[in-house]
PDB file of N, CA and C in Angstrom:
ATOM      1  N   UNK A   1      45.275  83.048 -80.329  1.00  0.00           N
ATOM      2  CA  UNK A   1      46.331  81.897 -80.723  1.00  0.00           C
ATOM      3  C   UNK A   1      46.014  80.869 -80.098  1.00  0.00           C
ATOM      4  N   UNK A   2      45.569  81.036 -78.877  1.00  0.00           N
ATOM      5  CA  UNK A   2      45.118  80.045 -78.091  1.00  0.00           C
ATOM      6  C   UNK A   2      43.351  79.701 -77.726  1.00  0.00           C
ATOM      7  N   UNK A   3      42.960  80.462 -79.068  1.00  0.00           N
ATOM      8  CA  UNK A   3      41.374  79.788 -78.906  1.00  0.00           C
ATOM      9  C   UNK A   3      41.406  79.470 -80.308  1.00  0.00           C
ATOM     10  N   UNK A   4      42.718  79.061 -80.902  1.00  0.00           N
ATOM     11  CA  UNK A   4      42.855  78.435 -82.810  1.00  0.00           C
ATOM     12  C   UNK A   4      43.336  76.894 -82.496  1.00  0.00           C
ATOM     13  N   UNK A   5      44.156  77.003 -80.960  1.00  0.00           N
ATOM     14  CA  UNK A   5      44.234  75.842 -80.989  1.00  0.00           C
ATOM     15  C   UNK A   5      43.998  74.774 -79.848  1.00  0.00           C
ATOM     16  N   UNK A   6      42.677  75.680 -79.509  1.00  0.00           N
ATOM     17  CA  UNK A   6      41.525  74.647 -78.279  1.00  0.00           C
ATOM     18  C   UNK A   6      41.089  73.951 -79.961  1.00  0.00           C
ATOM     19  N   UNK A   7      40.426  74.220 -80.076  1.00  0.00           N
ATOM     20  CA  UNK A   7      40.241  74.453 -81.416  1.00  0.00           C
ATOM     21  C   UNK A   7      39.646  72.646 -82.583  1.00  0.00           C
ATOM     22  N   UNK A   8      41.615  73.382 -82.739  1.00  0.00           N
ATOM     23  CA  UNK A   8      42.241  72.635 -83.283  1.00  0.00           C
ATOM     24  C   UNK A   8      42.147  70.948 -82.386  1.00  0.00           C
ATOM     25  N   UNK A   9      42.315  71.402 -81.157  1.00  0.00           N
ATOM     26  CA  UNK A   9      42.306  70.559 -80.309  1.00  0.00           C
ATOM     27  C   UNK A   9      41.107  69.860 -80.505  1.00  0.00           C
ATOM     28  N   UNK A  10      40.274  69.588 -80.309  1.00  0.00           N
ATOM     29  CA  UNK A  10      38.506  69.395 -79.631  1.00  0.00           C
ATOM     30  C   UNK A  10      38.326  69.833 -80.710  1.00  0.00           C
ATOM     31  N   UNK A  11      38.970  69.100 -81.825  1.00  0.00           N
ATOM     32  CA  UNK A  11      38.800  68.469 -83.813  1.00  0.00           C
ATOM     33  C   UNK A  11      39.643  67.038 -83.727  1.00  0.00           C
ATOM     34  N   UNK A  12      40.106  66.725 -83.181  1.00  0.00           N
ATOM     35  CA  UNK A  12      41.460  65.787 -82.884  1.00  0.00           C
ATOM     36  C   UNK A  12      40.409  64.748 -82.796  1.00  0.00           C
ATOM     37  N   UNK A  13      41.066  63.324 -83.691  1.00  0.00           N
ATOM     38  CA  UNK A  13      39.985  62.138 -84.060  1.00  0.00           C
ATOM     39  C   UNK A  13      38.654  62.422 -84.648  1.00  0.00           C
ATOM     40  N   UNK A  14      38.011  63.785 -85.272  1.00  0.00           N
ATOM     41  CA  UNK A  14      37.307  63.569 -85.650  1.00  0.00           C
ATOM     42  C   UNK A  14      37.313  62.916 -87.186  1.00  0.00           C
ATOM     43  N   UNK A  15      36.289  63.570 -88.003  1.00  0.00           N
ATOM     44  CA  UNK A  15      36.473  63.275 -89.286  1.00  0.00           C
ATOM     45  C   UNK A  15      37.069  64.564 -90.102  1.00  0.00           C
ATOM     46  N   UNK A  16      36.527  65.369 -90.242  1.00  0.00           N
ATOM     47  CA  UNK A  16      37.712  66.983 -89.948  1.00  0.00           C
ATOM     48  C   UNK A  16      39.310  66.630 -90.212  1.00  0.00           C
ATOM     49  N   UNK A  17      40.138  66.889 -91.494  1.00  0.00           N
ATOM     50  CA  UNK A  17      41.108  66.398 -91.204  1.00  0.00           C
ATOM     51  C   UNK A  17      41.876  67.742 -91.304  1.00  0.00           C
ATOM     52  N   UNK A  18      42.677  67.770 -89.304  1.00  0.00           N
ATOM     53  CA  UNK A  18      42.819  69.538 -88.885  1.00  0.00           C
ATOM     54  C   UNK A  18      44.502  68.929 -88.470  1.00  0.00           C
ATOM     55  N   UNK A  19      45.038  69.532 -88.755  1.00  0.00           N
ATOM     56  CA  UNK A  19      46.559  69.198 -88.077  1.00  0.00           C
ATOM     57  C   UNK A  19      46.417  68.574 -86.476  1.00  0.00           C
ATOM     58  N   UNK A  20      47.687  68.797 -86.105  1.00  0.00           N
ATOM     59  CA  UNK A  20      47.753  67.826 -84.877  1.00  0.00           C
ATOM     60  C   UNK A  20      48.494  69.232 -84.105  1.00  0.00           C
ATOM     61  N   UNK A  21      48.000  69.870 -82.748  1.00  0.00           N
ATOM     62  CA  UNK A  21      48.731  70.958 -82.080  1.00  0.00           C
ATOM     63  C   UNK A  21      49.691  70.539 -81.510  1.00  0.00           C
ATOM     64  N   UNK A  22      50.911  71.131 -81.355  1.00  0.00           N
ATOM     65  CA  UNK A  22      52.816  69.929 -81.094  1.00  0.00           C
ATOM     66  C   UNK A  22      52.828  70.706 -80.332  1.00  0.00           C
ATOM     67  N   UNK A  23      52.626  72.289 -80.289  1.00  0.00           N
ATOM     68  CA  UNK A  23      53.236  73.836 -78.641  1.00  0.00           C
ATOM     69  C   UNK A  23      52.177  74.433 -79.404  1.00  0.00           C
ATOM     70  N   UNK A  24      51.889  75.431 -78.182  1.00  0.00           N
ATOM     71  CA  UNK A  24      51.522  77.006 -78.222  1.00  0.00           C
ATOM     72  C   UNK A  24      52.597  77.326 -77.821  1.00  0.00           C
ATOM     73  N   UNK A  25      53.238  78.639 -77.165  1.00  0.00           N
ATOM     74  CA  UNK A  25      53.579  79.551 -76.539  1.00  0.00           C
ATOM     75  C   UNK A  25      53.422  80.791 -76.924  1.00  0.00           C
ATOM     76  N   UNK A  26      53.818  81.651 -75.660  1.00  0.00           N
ATOM     77  CA  UNK A  26      53.152  83.141 -75.884  1.00  0.00           C
ATOM     78  C   UNK A  26      54.107  83.909 -74.633  1.00  0.00           C
ATOM     79  N   UNK A  27      55.148  82.697 -74.398  1.00  0.00           N
ATOM     80  CA  UNK A  27      56.391  82.949 -73.668  1.00  0.00           C
ATOM     81  C   UNK A  27      57.514  84.963 -74.483  1.00  0.00           C
ATOM     82  N   UNK A  28      57.488  85.693 -74.421  1.00  0.00           N
ATOM     83  CA  UNK A  28      58.529  86.781 -74.576  1.00  0.00           C
ATOM     84  C   UNK A  28      59.909  85.925 -74.655  1.00  0.00           C
ATOM     85  N   UNK A  29      59.905  84.642 -73.443  1.00  0.00           N
ATOM     86  CA  UNK A  29      61.981  84.311 -73.749  1.00  0.00           C
ATOM     87  C   UNK A  29      62.015  83.174 -74.918  1.00  0.00           C
ATOM     88  N   UNK A  30      61.022  83.575 -75.916  1.00  0.00           N
ATOM     89  CA  UNK A  30      60.876  82.148 -76.584  1.00  0.00           C
ATOM     90  C   UNK A  30      60.722  83.050 -77.841  1.00  0.00           C
ATOM     91  N   UNK A  31      60.100  83.837 -78.442  1.00  0.00           N
ATOM     92  CA  UNK A  31      59.448  84.538 -79.573  1.00  0.00           C
ATOM     93  C   UNK A  31      59.149  85.803 -78.723  1.00  0.00           C
ATOM     94  N   UNK A  32      59.190  87.096 -79.779  1.00  0.00           N
ATOM     95  CA  UNK A  32      58.230  87.792 -79.966  1.00  0.00           C
ATOM     96  C   UNK A  32      56.474  87.705 -79.472  1.00  0.00           C
ATOM     97  N   UNK A  33      56.219  86.778 -80.737  1.00  0.00           N
ATOM     98  CA  UNK A  33      54.656  87.331 -80.957  1.00  0.00           C
ATOM     99  C   UNK A  33      54.768  85.448 -80.530  1.00  0.00           C
ATOM    100  N   UNK A  34      53.266  85.125 -79.947  1.00  0.00           N
ATOM    101  CA  UNK A  34      52.315  83.977 -79.753  1.00  0.00           C
ATOM    102  C   UNK A  34      52.554  83.104 -81.098  1.00  0.00           C
ATOM    103  N   UNK A  35      52.742  82.100 -80.586  1.00  0.00           N
ATOM    104  CA  UNK A  35      53.183  80.845 -82.331  1.00  0.00           C
ATOM    105  C   UNK A  35      53.143  79.395 -80.917  1.00  0.00           C
ATOM    106  N   UNK A  36      52.107  79.222 -82.370  1.00  0.00           N
ATOM    107  CA  UNK A  36      51.830  77.593 -82.631  1.00  0.00           C
ATOM    108  C   UNK A  36      51.407  77.159 -83.680  1.00  0.00           C
ATOM    109  N   UNK A  37      52.282  75.947 -82.959  1.00  0.00           N
ATOM    110  CA  UNK A  37      53.326  74.601 -83.561  1.00  0.00           C
ATOM    111  C   UNK A  37      52.293  73.839 -84.458  1.00  0.00           C
ATOM    112  N   UNK A  38      52.247  73.368 -85.219  1.00  0.00           N
ATOM    113  CA  UNK A  38      50.576  72.590 -85.755  1.00  0.00           C
ATOM    114  C   UNK A  38      52.418  71.285 -86.344  1.00  0.00           C
ATOM    115  N   UNK A  39      51.953  69.765 -87.007  1.00  0.00           N
ATOM    116  CA  UNK A  39      52.527  69.704 -88.063  1.00  0.00           C
ATOM    117  C   UNK A  39      51.294  69.229 -89.221  1.00  0.00           C
ATOM    118  N   UNK A  40      52.500  69.154 -90.564  1.00  0.00           N
ATOM    119  CA  UNK A  40      51.428  69.123 -91.600  1.00  0.00           C
ATOM    120  C   UNK A  40      50.595  68.537 -92.422  1.00  0.00           C
ATOM    121  N   UNK A  41      50.183  69.007 -92.278  1.00  0.00           N
ATOM    122  CA  UNK A  41      48.092  68.159 -92.675  1.00  0.00           C
ATOM    123  C   UNK A  41      48.400  68.098 -94.827  1.00  0.00           C
ATOM    124  N   UNK A  42      48.654  67.650 -95.470  1.00  0.00           N
ATOM    125  CA  UNK A  42      47.978  67.176 -97.014  1.00  0.00           C
ATOM    126  C   UNK A  42      47.021  67.776 -97.144  1.00  0.00           C
ATOM    127  N   UNK A  43      46.953  68.813 -98.311  1.00  0.00           N
ATOM    128  CA  UNK A  43      45.912  69.280 -99.016  1.00  0.00           C
ATOM    129  C   UNK A  43      45.083  70.860 -99.139  1.00  0.00           C
ATOM    130  N   UNK A  44      45.023  70.666 -99.639  1.00  0.00           N
ATOM    131  CA  UNK A  44      44.404  72.232-100.352  1.00  0.00           C
ATOM    132  C   UNK A  44      43.800  73.532 -99.096  1.00  0.00           C
ATOM    133  N   UNK A  45      44.703  74.514 -99.385  1.00  0.00           N
ATOM    134  CA  UNK A  45      44.146  75.462 -98.204  1.00  0.00           C
ATOM    135  C   UNK A  45      43.311  76.465 -98.887  1.00  0.00           C
ATOM    136  N   UNK A  46      42.547  76.099 -97.616  1.00  0.00           N
ATOM    137  CA  UNK A  46      41.751  76.697 -97.720  1.00  0.00           C
ATOM    138  C   UNK A  46      40.932  78.261 -99.020  1.00  0.00           C
ATOM    139  N   UNK A  47      41.723  78.784 -98.040  1.00  0.00           N
ATOM    140  CA  UNK A  47      42.411  80.396 -98.153  1.00  0.00           C
ATOM    141  C   UNK A  47      42.809  80.532 -99.760  1.00  0.00           C
ATOM    142  N   UNK A  48      43.602  79.745 -99.967  1.00  0.00           N
ATOM    143  CA  UNK A  48      43.355  79.734-101.407  1.00  0.00           C
ATOM    144  C   UNK A  48      43.057  78.933-102.361  1.00  0.00           C
ATOM    145  N   UNK A  49      42.112  77.684-102.537  1.00  0.00           N
ATOM    146  CA  UNK A  49      41.387  77.816-103.111  1.00  0.00           C
ATOM    147  C   UNK A  49      40.364  78.483-103.230  1.00  0.00           C
ATOM    148  N   UNK A  50      39.605  79.710-102.143  1.00  0.00           N
ATOM    149  CA  UNK A  50      38.427  80.015-102.549  1.00  0.00           C
ATOM    150  C   UNK A  50      39.248  81.618-103.673  1.00  0.00           C
ATOM    151  N   UNK A  51      40.143  81.639-103.160  1.00  0.00           N
ATOM    152  CA  UNK A  51      40.957  83.793-104.277  1.00  0.00           C
ATOM    153  C   UNK A  51      41.411  82.301-105.799  1.00  0.00           C
ATOM    154  N   UNK A  52      41.213  81.269-105.506  1.00  0.00           N
ATOM    155  CA  UNK A  52      41.538  81.199-107.191  1.00  0.00           C
ATOM    156  C   UNK A  52      42.873  81.459-107.775  1.00  0.00           C
ATOM    157  N   UNK A  53      43.473  81.572-106.436  1.00  0.00           N
ATOM    158  CA  UNK A  53      45.520  80.629-105.870  1.00  0.00           C
ATOM    159  C   UNK A  53      45.605  79.719-106.550  1.00  0.00           C
ATOM    160  N   UNK A  54      47.118  79.316-107.268  1.00  0.00           N
ATOM    161  CA  UNK A  54      47.286  78.094-107.080  1.00  0.00           C
ATOM    162  C   UNK A  54      47.655  77.672-106.554  1.00  0.00           C
ATOM    163  N   UNK A  55      47.977  76.328-105.347  1.00  0.00           N
ATOM    164  CA  UNK A  55      48.987  75.894-104.004  1.00  0.00           C
ATOM    165  C   UNK A  55      49.869  75.223-104.815  1.00  0.00           C
ATOM    166  N   UNK A  56      51.322  76.076-104.117  1.00  0.00           N
ATOM    167  CA  UNK A  56      52.447  76.225-103.447  1.00  0.00           C
ATOM    168  C   UNK A  56      52.711  73.742-104.049  1.00  0.00           C
ATOM    169  N   UNK A  57      53.222  73.676-105.026  1.00  0.00           N
ATOM    170  CA  UNK A  57      54.372  72.037-105.076  1.00  0.00           C
ATOM    171  C   UNK A  57      54.607  71.972-104.066  1.00  0.00           C
ATOM    172  N   UNK A  58      54.361  70.502-103.182  1.00  0.00           N
ATOM    173  CA  UNK A  58      55.477  71.104-102.607  1.00  0.00           C
ATOM    174  C   UNK A  58      56.306  69.630-102.586  1.00  0.00           C
ATOM    175  N   UNK A  59      58.073  69.866-102.822  1.00  0.00           N
ATOM    176  CA  UNK A  59      58.502  68.182-103.399  1.00  0.00           C
ATOM    177  C   UNK A  59      59.147  67.605-102.125  1.00  0.00           C
ATOM    178  N   UNK A  60      58.418  66.152-102.470  1.00  0.00           N
ATOM    179  CA  UNK A  60      58.796  64.430-101.537  1.00  0.00           C
ATOM    180  C   UNK A  60      59.751  64.736-100.878  1.00  0.00           C
TER     181      UNK A  60
END
């Protein structure tokens, strides 16, 4: 999880549309598993695009 956060942070300010990392914790008093909090970025999820599954429509 920390590796993903570092990569996303490194991509901030580039042409790659990535969410901004808002928080990262592996503190067991907060949650039992590591938690990465990111902002919402509108667009397609790559795994869904490759699998051919339709993207869920999100109400505004």
